[in-house]
Protein backbone atom coordinates (compact mmCIF):
# COMPACT_ATOMS: atom_id res chain seq x y z
CA MET A 1 -17.81 17.63 19.48
CA ILE A 2 -17.54 20.87 22.33
CA CYS A 3 -20.64 22.98 21.44
CA PRO A 4 -18.72 26.64 20.89
CA GLU A 5 -22.11 28.08 22.52
CA CYS A 6 -22.70 26.24 25.56
CA GLY A 7 -19.81 23.91 26.21
CA TYR A 8 -21.92 20.78 26.14
CA ASN A 9 -19.64 17.86 24.53
CA ASP A 10 -22.15 16.03 22.54
CA SER A 11 -23.24 16.70 19.02
CA LYS A 12 -25.15 14.87 15.92
CA VAL A 13 -24.17 15.25 12.24
CA ILE A 14 -26.41 16.80 10.48
CA ASP A 15 -24.42 16.91 7.29
CA SER A 16 -21.14 15.44 5.98
CA ARG A 17 -19.30 16.86 2.78
CA PRO A 18 -16.06 15.85 0.93
CA ALA A 19 -14.07 19.56 0.65
CA ASP A 20 -10.81 19.08 -0.56
CA THR A 21 -8.59 16.99 1.40
CA LYS A 22 -10.97 17.59 4.41
CA ILE A 23 -14.55 16.91 5.43
CA ARG A 24 -17.13 19.21 6.08
CA ARG A 25 -19.59 18.38 9.00
CA ARG A 26 -22.41 20.37 9.89
CA ARG A 27 -23.53 19.56 13.52
CA GLU A 28 -26.05 20.23 16.05
CA CYS A 29 -25.55 20.43 19.83
CA LEU A 30 -28.14 18.09 21.53
CA LYS A 31 -28.44 20.46 24.52
CA CYS A 32 -28.62 24.13 23.11
CA PHE A 33 -29.54 22.79 19.50
CA ASN A 34 -27.02 25.46 18.36
CA ARG A 35 -25.87 24.55 14.54
CA PHE A 36 -22.06 24.72 14.01
CA THR A 37 -19.49 23.23 11.21
CA THR A 38 -16.55 21.39 12.28
CA TYR A 39 -13.71 20.04 9.33
CA GLU A 40 -11.84 16.97 9.03
CA ILE A 41 -8.65 16.61 7.83
CA ILE A 42 -7.79 12.71 6.66
CA GLU A 43 -4.52 12.12 8.57
CA ASP A 44 -2.22 9.50 6.02
CA ILE A 45 0.45 7.96 7.95
CA PRO A 46 3.32 7.28 5.10
CA LEU A 47 4.75 3.63 4.77
CA MET A 48 8.59 3.60 5.52
CA VAL A 49 10.51 0.82 3.83
CA VAL A 50 13.31 -0.70 6.12
CA LYS A 51 16.01 -1.57 3.28
CA LYS A 52 18.73 -4.32 3.95
CA ASP A 53 21.41 -2.16 5.22
CA ASN A 54 18.70 -0.87 7.69
CA SER A 55 18.22 2.60 5.97
CA VAL A 56 14.74 3.82 5.81
CA GLU A 57 12.78 5.52 2.92
CA PRO A 58 9.64 6.52 2.17
CA PHE A 59 7.54 3.72 -0.15
CA ASN A 60 7.33 4.55 -3.70
CA PRO A 61 4.85 2.71 -5.56
CA GLN A 62 6.72 3.87 -8.98
CA LYS A 63 9.78 2.59 -7.70
CA LEU A 64 8.34 -0.59 -7.36
CA THR A 65 6.31 -0.83 -10.73
CA GLU A 66 9.14 -0.08 -12.48
CA ARG A 67 11.33 -2.97 -10.84
CA VAL A 68 8.63 -5.42 -11.46
CA LEU A 69 8.35 -4.07 -15.11
CA ARG A 70 11.95 -5.01 -15.66
CA ALA A 71 11.04 -8.72 -14.87
CA THR A 72 8.06 -8.16 -16.95
CA VAL A 73 9.79 -7.02 -20.48
CA LYS A 74 8.59 -8.85 -23.36
CA ARG A 75 6.15 -10.99 -21.83
CA PRO A 76 2.20 -11.06 -22.22
CA VAL A 77 2.11 -8.83 -19.10
CA LYS A 78 -0.01 -5.61 -19.10
CA LEU A 79 1.11 -2.25 -16.86
CA LYS A 80 -2.26 -2.47 -15.97
CA THR A 81 -1.66 -5.37 -14.54
CA VAL A 82 1.49 -4.37 -12.50
CA GLU A 83 0.16 -1.54 -11.28
CA ALA A 84 -3.11 -3.24 -9.90
CA MET A 85 -0.50 -5.59 -8.49
CA VAL A 86 1.85 -2.43 -6.61
CA ASP A 87 -1.91 -1.08 -5.63
CA THR A 88 -2.48 -3.89 -3.92
CA ILE A 89 0.66 -4.71 -1.80
CA GLN A 90 0.42 -0.84 -0.53
CA SER A 91 -3.04 -1.36 0.27
CA GLN A 92 -2.47 -4.33 2.46
CA PHE A 93 0.34 -3.00 4.10
CA LYS A 94 -1.43 0.55 4.68
CA ASN A 95 -4.23 -1.36 5.95
CA THR A 96 -2.55 -3.22 8.67
CA LEU A 97 -1.65 0.26 10.42
CA GLN A 98 1.92 -0.47 10.02
CA LYS A 99 4.15 2.92 9.64
CA GLU A 100 7.30 0.64 8.60
CA VAL A 101 7.69 -2.51 6.53
CA SER A 102 11.00 -4.32 5.55
CA SER A 103 11.82 -4.81 2.08
CA GLU A 104 11.80 -8.62 2.33
CA LYS A 105 8.05 -8.67 2.91
CA ILE A 106 7.50 -6.17 0.30
CA GLY A 107 9.69 -8.58 -2.32
CA GLU A 108 8.07 -12.01 -0.72
CA MET A 109 4.57 -10.33 -1.52
CA VAL A 110 5.66 -9.57 -5.11
CA LEU A 111 6.93 -13.53 -5.99
CA GLN A 112 3.85 -14.49 -4.47
CA LYS A 113 1.74 -12.23 -6.78
CA LEU A 114 4.18 -12.36 -9.87
CA LYS A 115 3.81 -16.67 -9.61
CA ASP A 116 -0.13 -16.32 -10.70
CA ILE A 117 0.69 -13.78 -13.24
CA ASP A 118 3.29 -15.16 -15.45
CA HIS A 119 6.54 -17.42 -14.42
CA VAL A 120 9.12 -16.34 -16.36
CA ALA A 121 8.64 -12.61 -14.77
CA TYR A 122 8.75 -14.65 -11.58
CA ILE A 123 11.85 -16.15 -11.97
CA ARG A 124 13.38 -12.92 -13.16
CA PHE A 125 11.98 -11.01 -10.34
CA ALA A 126 13.88 -13.71 -8.24
CA SER A 127 16.66 -14.09 -9.58
CA VAL A 128 17.88 -10.15 -8.83
CA TYR A 129 15.84 -10.20 -5.50
CA ARG A 130 17.62 -13.26 -3.68
CA GLU A 131 20.57 -12.54 -5.85
CA PHE A 132 21.27 -16.11 -7.44
CA ASN A 133 24.88 -16.34 -8.23
CA ASP A 134 24.55 -20.27 -9.91
CA ALA A 135 22.49 -22.29 -12.37
CA GLU A 136 21.57 -24.19 -9.03
CA SER A 137 19.86 -21.53 -7.97
CA PHE A 138 17.72 -21.33 -11.32
CA SER A 139 16.99 -25.20 -11.00
CA GLU A 140 15.96 -25.10 -7.53
CA ILE A 141 13.06 -22.26 -8.40
CA LEU A 142 12.13 -24.49 -11.52
CA GLU A 143 11.83 -27.53 -9.62
CA GLN A 144 9.78 -25.39 -7.13
CA LEU A 145 7.64 -24.26 -9.87
CA LYS A 146 7.08 -27.68 -11.10
CA THR A 147 6.08 -29.27 -7.97
CA GLU A 148 3.44 -26.61 -7.16
């Protein structure tokens, strides 16, 4: 940080506190010892989803939660489990600092996590996500589950 008093470009942080969506920092110039306050704004990069038709929309965790809940209807899967799964997926993509992610990657990640949570919910989600059109598709996925 540049000192507002002498223009020296190095300072040390004396105190740091959260203030709403900002971080308030008290600094001291290493040359003239002037103290001043700076505010840092936490930048939130929105995660965008690239859909199959190449349209782009913001990631909506509520929408993903609703889709997964449809697959878990009348199954012993708690809402907290589904919400935690969606939060984990969102965090994993945000931590990679990607601005855009394909809906296919999100769907595959949901399938991986559902496989560990509930097999019936996994099959239900897969049938819609992978667009099963015949009984053969169901039998293939059942065989995969049996072998694993």
